[in-house]
Amino acid sequence: TSEFNGEELEQKLDELRNEHFGSNASIIKGEESSGMFRFTV
């Protein structure tokens, strides 16, 4: 997020989520879209 922005950032974040969470990446993306970041609580 400090290096990229816009569509390029979204693409990089999608790749990162897939790398770390696999089939649950879309769940993490949905949470983040709503402002909830489970690993900051």
All heavy atoms as atom14 arrays in JSON, in Angstrom:
{
  "sequence": "TSEFNGEELEQKLDELRNEHFGSNASIIKGEESSGMFRFTV",
  "atom14_mask": [
    [1, 1, 1, 1, 1, 1, 1, 0, 0, 0, 0, 0, 0, 0],
    [1, 1, 1, 1, 1, 1, 0, 0, 0, 0, 0, 0, 0, 0],
    [1, 1, 1, 1, 1, 1, 1, 1, 1, 0, 0, 0, 0, 0],
    [1, 1, 1, 1, 1, 1, 1, 1, 1, 1, 1, 0, 0, 0],
    [1, 1, 1, 1, 1, 1, 1, 1, 0, 0, 0, 0, 0, 0],
    [1, 1, 1, 1, 0, 0, 0, 0, 0, 0, 0, 0, 0, 0],
    [1, 1, 1, 1, 1, 1, 1, 1, 1, 0, 0, 0, 0, 0],
    [1, 1, 1, 1, 1, 1, 1, 1, 1, 0, 0, 0, 0, 0],
    [1, 1, 1, 1, 1, 1, 1, 1, 0, 0, 0, 0, 0, 0],
    [1, 1, 1, 1, 1, 1, 1, 1, 1, 0, 0, 0, 0, 0],
    [1, 1, 1, 1, 1, 1, 1, 1, 1, 0, 0, 0, 0, 0],
    [1, 1, 1, 1, 1, 1, 1, 1, 1, 0, 0, 0, 0, 0],
    [1, 1, 1, 1, 1, 1, 1, 1, 0, 0, 0, 0, 0, 0],
    [1, 1, 1, 1, 1, 1, 1, 1, 0, 0, 0, 0, 0, 0],
    [1, 1, 1, 1, 1, 1, 1, 1, 1, 0, 0, 0, 0, 0],
    [1, 1, 1, 1, 1, 1, 1, 1, 0, 0, 0, 0, 0, 0],
    [1, 1, 1, 1, 1, 1, 1, 1, 1, 1, 1, 0, 0, 0],
    [1, 1, 1, 1, 1, 1, 1, 1, 0, 0, 0, 0, 0, 0],
    [1, 1, 1, 1, 1, 1, 1, 1, 1, 0, 0, 0, 0, 0],
    [1, 1, 1, 1, 1, 1, 1, 1, 1, 1, 0, 0, 0, 0],
    [1, 1, 1, 1, 1, 1, 1, 1, 1, 1, 1, 0, 0, 0],
    [1, 1, 1, 1, 0, 0, 0, 0, 0, 0, 0, 0, 0, 0],
    [1, 1, 1, 1, 1, 1, 0, 0, 0, 0, 0, 0, 0, 0],
    [1, 1, 1, 1, 1, 1, 1, 1, 0, 0, 0, 0, 0, 0],
    [1, 1, 1, 1, 1, 0, 0, 0, 0, 0, 0, 0, 0, 0],
    [1, 1, 1, 1, 1, 1, 0, 0, 0, 0, 0, 0, 0, 0],
    [1, 1, 1, 1, 1, 1, 1, 1, 0, 0, 0, 0, 0, 0],
    [1, 1, 1, 1, 1, 1, 1, 1, 0, 0, 0, 0, 0, 0],
    [1, 1, 1, 1, 1, 1, 1, 1, 1, 0, 0, 0, 0, 0],
    [1, 1, 1, 1, 0, 0, 0, 0, 0, 0, 0, 0, 0, 0],
    [1, 1, 1, 1, 1, 1, 1, 1, 1, 0, 0, 0, 0, 0],
    [1, 1, 1, 1, 1, 1, 1, 1, 1, 0, 0, 0, 0, 0],
    [1, 1, 1, 1, 1, 1, 0, 0, 0, 0, 0, 0, 0, 0],
    [1, 1, 1, 1, 1, 1, 0, 0, 0, 0, 0, 0, 0, 0],
    [1, 1, 1, 1, 0, 0, 0, 0, 0, 0, 0, 0, 0, 0],
    [1, 1, 1, 1, 1, 1, 1, 1, 0, 0, 0, 0, 0, 0],
    [1, 1, 1, 1, 1, 1, 1, 1, 1, 1, 1, 0, 0, 0],
    [1, 1, 1, 1, 1, 1, 1, 1, 1, 1, 1, 0, 0, 0],
    [1, 1, 1, 1, 1, 1, 1, 1, 1, 1, 1, 0, 0, 0],
    [1, 1, 1, 1, 1, 1, 1, 0, 0, 0, 0, 0, 0, 0],
    [1, 1, 1, 1, 1, 1, 1, 0, 0, 0, 0, 0, 0, 0]
  ],
  "atom14_positions": [
    [[0.82, -1.21, 0.0], [0.0, 0.0, 0.0], [0.85, 1.26, 0.0], [0.39, 2.31, -0.44], [-0.98, 0.03, 1.19], [-0.26, -0.06, 2.41], [-2.0, -1.09, 1.09], [0.0, 0.0, 0.0], [0.0, 0.0, 0.0], [0.0, 0.0, 0.0], [0.0, 0.0, 0.0], [0.0, 0.0, 0.0], [0.0, 0.0, 0.0], [0.0, 0.0, 0.0]],
    [[2.09, 1.16, 0.47], [2.96, 2.33, 0.44], [3.67, 2.48, -0.9], [4.18, 3.55, -1.23], [3.99, 2.28, 1.57], [4.88, 1.21, 1.38], [0.0, 0.0, 0.0], [0.0, 0.0, 0.0], [0.0, 0.0, 0.0], [0.0, 0.0, 0.0], [0.0, 0.0, 0.0], [0.0, 0.0, 0.0], [0.0, 0.0, 0.0], [0.0, 0.0, 0.0]],
    [[3.67, 1.41, -1.7], [4.39, 1.43, -2.97], [3.48, 1.59, -4.18], [3.87, 2.19, -5.18], [5.19, 0.13, -3.11], [6.1, 0.09, -4.31], [6.94, -1.17, -4.35], [7.09, -1.84, -3.31], [7.45, -1.48, -5.44], [0.0, 0.0, 0.0], [0.0, 0.0, 0.0], [0.0, 0.0, 0.0], [0.0, 0.0, 0.0], [0.0, 0.0, 0.0]],
    [[2.25, 1.05, -4.11], [1.35, 1.05, -5.25], [0.04, 1.74, -4.89], [-0.27, 1.94, -3.72], [1.04, -0.39, -5.7], [2.25, -1.17, -6.11], [2.87, -2.06, -5.22], [2.79, -1.03, -7.37], [3.98, -2.78, -5.58], [3.92, -1.76, -7.76], [4.5, -2.63, -6.85], [0.0, 0.0, 0.0], [0.0, 0.0, 0.0], [0.0, 0.0, 0.0]],
    [[-0.76, 2.04, -5.92], [-2.11, 2.56, -5.7], [-3.0, 2.21, -6.87], [-2.54, 1.68, -7.88], [-2.1, 4.08, -5.44], [-1.44, 4.86, -6.55], [-1.71, 4.64, -7.72], [-0.56, 5.76, -6.18], [0.0, 0.0, 0.0], [0.0, 0.0, 0.0], [0.0, 0.0, 0.0], [0.0, 0.0, 0.0], [0.0, 0.0, 0.0], [0.0, 0.0, 0.0]],
    [[-4.28, 2.47, -6.71], [-5.24, 2.22, -7.78], [-5.38, 0.75, -8.15], [-5.29, -0.14, -7.31], [0.0, 0.0, 0.0], [0.0, 0.0, 0.0], [0.0, 0.0, 0.0], [0.0, 0.0, 0.0], [0.0, 0.0, 0.0], [0.0, 0.0, 0.0], [0.0, 0.0, 0.0], [0.0, 0.0, 0.0], [0.0, 0.0, 0.0], [0.0, 0.0, 0.0]],
    [[-5.6, 0.53, -9.44], [-5.83, -0.82, -9.95], [-4.62, -1.73, -9.76], [-4.75, -2.92, -9.47], [-6.21, -0.75, -11.43], [-6.65, -2.07, -12.01], [-7.87, -2.67, -11.35], [-8.78, -1.92, -10.94], [-7.9, -3.91, -11.2], [0.0, 0.0, 0.0], [0.0, 0.0, 0.0], [0.0, 0.0, 0.0], [0.0, 0.0, 0.0], [0.0, 0.0, 0.0]],
    [[-3.43, -1.14, -9.88], [-2.21, -1.94, -9.69], [-2.12, -2.45, -8.25], [-1.76, -3.61, -8.01], [-0.98, -1.1, -10.04], [0.29, -1.9, -10.05], [1.5, -1.08, -10.51], [1.44, 0.17, -10.49], [2.49, -1.72, -10.88], [0.0, 0.0, 0.0], [0.0, 0.0, 0.0], [0.0, 0.0, 0.0], [0.0, 0.0, 0.0], [0.0, 0.0, 0.0]],
    [[-2.49, -1.61, -7.29], [-2.5, -2.03, -5.89], [-3.5, -3.15, -5.69], [-3.19, -4.16, -5.02], [-2.83, -0.85, -4.96], [-3.03, -1.2, -3.49], [-1.77, -1.83, -2.9], [-3.45, 0.03, -2.7], [0.0, 0.0, 0.0], [0.0, 0.0, 0.0], [0.0, 0.0, 0.0], [0.0, 0.0, 0.0], [0.0, 0.0, 0.0], [0.0, 0.0, 0.0]],
    [[-4.7, -3.01, -6.24], [-5.72, -4.05, -6.08], [-5.25, -5.38, -6.66], [-5.48, -6.44, -6.06], [-7.03, -3.62, -6.73], [-7.78, -2.57, -5.94], [-8.04, -2.99, -4.5], [-8.49, -4.14, -4.27], [-7.75, -2.19, -3.6], [0.0, 0.0, 0.0], [0.0, 0.0, 0.0], [0.0, 0.0, 0.0], [0.0, 0.0, 0.0], [0.0, 0.0, 0.0]],
    [[-4.58, -5.33, -7.78], [-4.07, -6.56, -8.39], [-3.01, -7.2, -7.48], [-3.03, -8.41, -7.26], [-3.48, -6.27, -9.77], [-2.93, -7.5, -10.44], [-2.3, -7.19, -11.79], [-2.29, -6.05, -12.25], [-1.75, -8.2, -12.42], [0.0, 0.0, 0.0], [0.0, 0.0, 0.0], [0.0, 0.0, 0.0], [0.0, 0.0, 0.0], [0.0, 0.0, 0.0]],
    [[-2.1, -6.39, -6.97], [-1.05, -6.91, -6.08], [-1.66, -7.49, -4.8], [-1.21, -8.53, -4.3], [-0.05, -5.8, -5.73], [0.7, -5.24, -6.91], [1.79, -6.16, -7.34], [2.64, -5.49, -8.42], [3.61, -6.4, -8.99], [0.0, 0.0, 0.0], [0.0, 0.0, 0.0], [0.0, 0.0, 0.0], [0.0, 0.0, 0.0], [0.0, 0.0, 0.0]],
    [[-2.67, -6.8, -4.26], [-3.31, -7.29, -3.04], [-4.04, -8.61, -3.3], [-4.0, -9.52, -2.46], [-4.28, -6.25, -2.48], [-3.64, -5.01, -1.87], [-4.71, -4.01, -1.46], [-2.75, -5.36, -0.69], [0.0, 0.0, 0.0], [0.0, 0.0, 0.0], [0.0, 0.0, 0.0], [0.0, 0.0, 0.0], [0.0, 0.0, 0.0], [0.0, 0.0, 0.0]],
    [[-4.7, -8.72, -4.45], [-5.37, -9.98, -4.79], [-4.35, -11.12, -4.86], [-4.6, -12.22, -4.35], [-6.1, -9.86, -6.13], [-7.4, -9.07, -6.03], [-7.92, -8.9, -4.9], [-7.89, -8.62, -7.07], [0.0, 0.0, 0.0], [0.0, 0.0, 0.0], [0.0, 0.0, 0.0], [0.0, 0.0, 0.0], [0.0, 0.0, 0.0], [0.0, 0.0, 0.0]],
    [[-3.21, -10.86, -5.48], [-2.16, -11.88, -5.58], [-1.65, -12.27, -4.19], [-1.45, -13.45, -3.89], [-1.0, -11.37, -6.43], [-1.34, -11.2, -7.89], [-0.26, -10.47, -8.68], [0.82, -10.18, -8.11], [-0.5, -10.19, -9.87], [0.0, 0.0, 0.0], [0.0, 0.0, 0.0], [0.0, 0.0, 0.0], [0.0, 0.0, 0.0], [0.0, 0.0, 0.0]],
    [[-1.45, -11.26, -3.33], [-0.97, -11.51, -1.98], [-1.98, -12.32, -1.18], [-1.61, -13.26, -0.47], [-0.65, -10.19, -1.28], [-0.06, -10.28, 0.11], [1.32, -10.94, 0.06], [0.04, -8.89, 0.74], [0.0, 0.0, 0.0], [0.0, 0.0, 0.0], [0.0, 0.0, 0.0], [0.0, 0.0, 0.0], [0.0, 0.0, 0.0], [0.0, 0.0, 0.0]],
    [[-3.26, -11.95, -1.27], [-4.3, -12.7, -0.56], [-4.33, -14.16, -1.03], [-4.44, -15.06, -0.2], [-5.66, -12.05, -0.79], [-5.87, -10.79, -0.03], [-7.3, -10.28, -0.23], [-7.35, -8.87, -0.03], [-7.42, -7.96, -1.0], [-7.49, -8.32, -2.26], [-7.45, -6.68, -0.71], [0.0, 0.0, 0.0], [0.0, 0.0, 0.0], [0.0, 0.0, 0.0]],
    [[-4.25, -14.36, -2.33], [-4.26, -15.74, -2.85], [-3.06, -16.52, -2.35], [-3.17, -17.71, -2.01], [-4.3, -15.74, -4.38], [-5.65, -15.39, -4.91], [-6.67, -15.77, -4.33], [-5.7, -14.67, -6.01], [0.0, 0.0, 0.0], [0.0, 0.0, 0.0], [0.0, 0.0, 0.0], [0.0, 0.0, 0.0], [0.0, 0.0, 0.0], [0.0, 0.0, 0.0]],
    [[-1.92, -15.87, -2.3], [-0.69, -16.52, -1.82], [-0.83, -16.94, -0.36], [-0.43, -18.04, 0.01], [0.48, -15.54, -1.98], [1.79, -16.02, -1.41], [2.85, -14.92, -1.46], [2.84, -14.12, -2.41], [3.67, -14.88, -0.53], [0.0, 0.0, 0.0], [0.0, 0.0, 0.0], [0.0, 0.0, 0.0], [0.0, 0.0, 0.0], [0.0, 0.0, 0.0]],
    [[-1.41, -16.09, 0.45], [-1.48, -16.36, 1.9], [-2.73, -17.14, 2.33], [-2.67, -17.87, 3.31], [-1.41, -15.05, 2.68], [-0.02, -14.54, 2.82], [0.8, -14.87, 3.86], [0.71, -13.74, 2.01], [1.98, -14.29, 3.7], [1.94, -13.61, 2.58], [0.0, 0.0, 0.0], [0.0, 0.0, 0.0], [0.0, 0.0, 0.0], [0.0, 0.0, 0.0]],
    [[-3.85, -16.95, 1.63], [-5.1, -17.52, 2.12], [-5.78, -18.48, 1.16], [-6.8, -19.07, 1.51], [-6.06, -16.38, 2.48], [-5.48, -15.42, 3.48], [-5.17, -14.13, 3.1], [-5.19, -15.82, 4.77], [-4.62, -13.23, 3.99], [-4.64, -14.94, 5.68], [-4.35, -13.64, 5.29], [0.0, 0.0, 0.0], [0.0, 0.0, 0.0], [0.0, 0.0, 0.0]],
    [[-5.24, -18.62, -0.04], [-5.8, -19.6, -0.99], [-7.28, -19.39, -1.23], [-7.72, -18.3, -1.59], [0.0, 0.0, 0.0], [0.0, 0.0, 0.0], [0.0, 0.0, 0.0], [0.0, 0.0, 0.0], [0.0, 0.0, 0.0], [0.0, 0.0, 0.0], [0.0, 0.0, 0.0], [0.0, 0.0, 0.0], [0.0, 0.0, 0.0], [0.0, 0.0, 0.0]],
    [[-8.06, -20.44, -1.0], [-9.5, -20.39, -1.28], [-10.25, -19.42, -0.37], [-11.39, -19.07, -0.66], [-10.1, -21.79, -1.16], [-9.95, -22.27, 0.17], [0.0, 0.0, 0.0], [0.0, 0.0, 0.0], [0.0, 0.0, 0.0], [0.0, 0.0, 0.0], [0.0, 0.0, 0.0], [0.0, 0.0, 0.0], [0.0, 0.0, 0.0], [0.0, 0.0, 0.0]],
    [[-9.64, -18.98, 0.71], [-10.28, -18.01, 1.61], [-9.93, -16.57, 1.27], [-10.35, -15.65, 1.98], [-9.88, -18.3, 3.07], [-10.49, -19.59, 3.56], [-11.62, -19.91, 3.24], [-9.72, -20.34, 4.33], [0.0, 0.0, 0.0], [0.0, 0.0, 0.0], [0.0, 0.0, 0.0], [0.0, 0.0, 0.0], [0.0, 0.0, 0.0], [0.0, 0.0, 0.0]],
    [[-9.19, -16.36, 0.19], [-8.77, -15.0, -0.19], [-9.96, -14.08, -0.41], [-9.92, -12.91, -0.02], [-7.89, -15.05, -1.43], [0.0, 0.0, 0.0], [0.0, 0.0, 0.0], [0.0, 0.0, 0.0], [0.0, 0.0, 0.0], [0.0, 0.0, 0.0], [0.0, 0.0, 0.0], [0.0, 0.0, 0.0], [0.0, 0.0, 0.0], [0.0, 0.0, 0.0]],
    [[-11.02, -14.58, -1.0], [-12.19, -13.73, -1.27], [-12.88, -13.32, 0.03], [-13.43, -12.21, 0.11], [-13.17, -14.44, -2.19], [-13.65, -15.63, -1.59], [0.0, 0.0, 0.0], [0.0, 0.0, 0.0], [0.0, 0.0, 0.0], [0.0, 0.0, 0.0], [0.0, 0.0, 0.0], [0.0, 0.0, 0.0], [0.0, 0.0, 0.0], [0.0, 0.0, 0.0]],
    [[-12.82, -14.15, 1.04], [-13.4, -13.8, 2.35], [-12.61, -12.65, 2.95], [-13.19, -11.67, 3.45], [-13.4, -15.02, 3.29], [-14.34, -16.1, 2.74], [-13.79, -14.62, 4.71], [-14.22, -17.43, 3.44], [0.0, 0.0, 0.0], [0.0, 0.0, 0.0], [0.0, 0.0, 0.0], [0.0, 0.0, 0.0], [0.0, 0.0, 0.0], [0.0, 0.0, 0.0]],
    [[-11.29, -12.75, 2.91], [-10.43, -11.7, 3.45], [-10.67, -10.4, 2.69], [-10.79, -9.32, 3.29], [-8.94, -12.11, 3.38], [-8.69, -13.4, 4.17], [-8.04, -10.98, 3.86], [-8.95, -13.32, 5.65], [0.0, 0.0, 0.0], [0.0, 0.0, 0.0], [0.0, 0.0, 0.0], [0.0, 0.0, 0.0], [0.0, 0.0, 0.0], [0.0, 0.0, 0.0]],
    [[-10.77, -10.48, 1.38], [-11.02, -9.29, 0.55], [-12.34, -8.64, 0.94], [-12.43, -7.42, 1.07], [-11.02, -9.65, -0.93], [-11.19, -8.46, -1.83], [-11.1, -8.83, -3.29], [-11.18, -7.59, -4.17], [-10.89, -7.9, -5.57], [0.0, 0.0, 0.0], [0.0, 0.0, 0.0], [0.0, 0.0, 0.0], [0.0, 0.0, 0.0], [0.0, 0.0, 0.0]],
    [[-13.37, -9.44, 1.12], [-14.67, -8.91, 1.53], [-14.61, -8.21, 2.88], [-15.2, -7.15, 3.06], [0.0, 0.0, 0.0], [0.0, 0.0, 0.0], [0.0, 0.0, 0.0], [0.0, 0.0, 0.0], [0.0, 0.0, 0.0], [0.0, 0.0, 0.0], [0.0, 0.0, 0.0], [0.0, 0.0, 0.0], [0.0, 0.0, 0.0], [0.0, 0.0, 0.0]],
    [[-13.9, -8.82, 3.82], [-13.75, -8.2, 5.14], [-13.04, -6.86, 5.01], [-13.46, -5.86, 5.61], [-12.96, -9.12, 6.07], [-13.73, -10.35, 6.5], [-12.89, -11.3, 7.33], [-11.68, -11.07, 7.52], [-13.46, -12.3, 7.78], [0.0, 0.0, 0.0], [0.0, 0.0, 0.0], [0.0, 0.0, 0.0], [0.0, 0.0, 0.0], [0.0, 0.0, 0.0]],
    [[-11.96, -6.84, 4.24], [-11.19, -5.61, 4.08], [-12.01, -4.53, 3.38], [-11.9, -3.35, 3.72], [-9.9, -5.89, 3.33], [-8.93, -6.73, 4.13], [-7.66, -7.09, 3.39], [-7.54, -6.77, 2.19], [-6.78, -7.7, 4.02], [0.0, 0.0, 0.0], [0.0, 0.0, 0.0], [0.0, 0.0, 0.0], [0.0, 0.0, 0.0], [0.0, 0.0, 0.0]],
    [[-12.86, -4.92, 2.44], [-13.72, -3.97, 1.75], [-14.68, -3.28, 2.71], [-15.06, -2.14, 2.5], [-14.52, -4.66, 0.64], [-13.66, -5.13, -0.36], [0.0, 0.0, 0.0], [0.0, 0.0, 0.0], [0.0, 0.0, 0.0], [0.0, 0.0, 0.0], [0.0, 0.0, 0.0], [0.0, 0.0, 0.0], [0.0, 0.0, 0.0], [0.0, 0.0, 0.0]],
    [[-15.07, -4.01, 3.75], [-15.98, -3.43, 4.74], [-15.24, -2.71, 5.87], [-15.87, -2.19, 6.8], [-16.88, -4.53, 5.33], [-16.13, -5.39, 6.16], [0.0, 0.0, 0.0], [0.0, 0.0, 0.0], [0.0, 0.0, 0.0], [0.0, 0.0, 0.0], [0.0, 0.0, 0.0], [0.0, 0.0, 0.0], [0.0, 0.0, 0.0], [0.0, 0.0, 0.0]],
    [[-13.91, -2.7, 5.8], [-13.12, -2.0, 6.81], [-12.65, -2.86, 7.97], [-12.06, -2.36, 8.93], [0.0, 0.0, 0.0], [0.0, 0.0, 0.0], [0.0, 0.0, 0.0], [0.0, 0.0, 0.0], [0.0, 0.0, 0.0], [0.0, 0.0, 0.0], [0.0, 0.0, 0.0], [0.0, 0.0, 0.0], [0.0, 0.0, 0.0], [0.0, 0.0, 0.0]],
    [[-12.9, -4.16, 7.9], [-12.49, -5.07, 8.97], [-11.22, -5.81, 8.58], [-11.17, -6.46, 7.54], [-13.6, -6.08, 9.23], [-13.48, -6.78, 10.58], [-12.23, -8.04, 10.64], [-13.16, -9.47, 11.0], [0.0, 0.0, 0.0], [0.0, 0.0, 0.0], [0.0, 0.0, 0.0], [0.0, 0.0, 0.0], [0.0, 0.0, 0.0], [0.0, 0.0, 0.0]],
    [[-10.19, -5.67, 9.39], [-8.92, -6.34, 9.16], [-8.69, -7.27, 10.35], [-8.25, -6.84, 11.41], [-7.79, -5.32, 9.02], [-7.93, -4.46, 7.8], [-8.74, -3.34, 7.81], [-7.26, -4.79, 6.63], [-8.88, -2.56, 6.68], [-7.39, -4.02, 5.49], [-8.21, -2.9, 5.52], [0.0, 0.0, 0.0], [0.0, 0.0, 0.0], [0.0, 0.0, 0.0]],
    [[-8.99, -8.55, 10.14], [-9.01, -9.5, 11.26], [-7.68, -9.64, 11.98], [-7.64, -10.02, 13.15], [-9.53, -10.86, 10.82], [-8.61, -11.63, 9.9], [-9.03, -13.05, 9.7], [-10.27, -13.16, 8.97], [-10.86, -14.33, 8.72], [-10.32, -15.45, 9.15], [-11.97, -14.37, 8.04], [0.0, 0.0, 0.0], [0.0, 0.0, 0.0], [0.0, 0.0, 0.0]],
    [[-6.58, -9.37, 11.31], [-5.29, -9.58, 11.96], [-4.77, -8.32, 12.65], [-3.63, -8.28, 13.1], [-4.27, -10.13, 10.95], [-4.7, -11.48, 10.43], [-5.22, -11.6, 9.15], [-4.64, -12.6, 11.23], [-5.64, -12.84, 8.67], [-5.06, -13.83, 10.77], [-5.57, -13.95, 9.48], [0.0, 0.0, 0.0], [0.0, 0.0, 0.0], [0.0, 0.0, 0.0]],
    [[-5.61, -7.3, 12.74], [-5.25, -6.11, 13.51], [-6.01, -6.05, 14.82], [-5.7, -5.22, 15.66], [-5.53, -4.81, 12.71], [-6.91, -4.71, 12.42], [-4.72, -4.77, 11.43], [0.0, 0.0, 0.0], [0.0, 0.0, 0.0], [0.0, 0.0, 0.0], [0.0, 0.0, 0.0], [0.0, 0.0, 0.0], [0.0, 0.0, 0.0], [0.0, 0.0, 0.0]],
    [[-6.99, -6.94, 14.99], [-7.73, -6.97, 16.24], [-6.96, -7.78, 17.28], [-6.07, -8.56, 16.94], [-9.15, -7.57, 16.06], [-9.97, -6.72, 15.12], [-9.09, -9.0, 15.59], [0.0, 0.0, 0.0], [0.0, 0.0, 0.0], [0.0, 0.0, 0.0], [0.0, 0.0, 0.0], [0.0, 0.0, 0.0], [0.0, 0.0, 0.0], [0.0, 0.0, 0.0]]
  ]
}
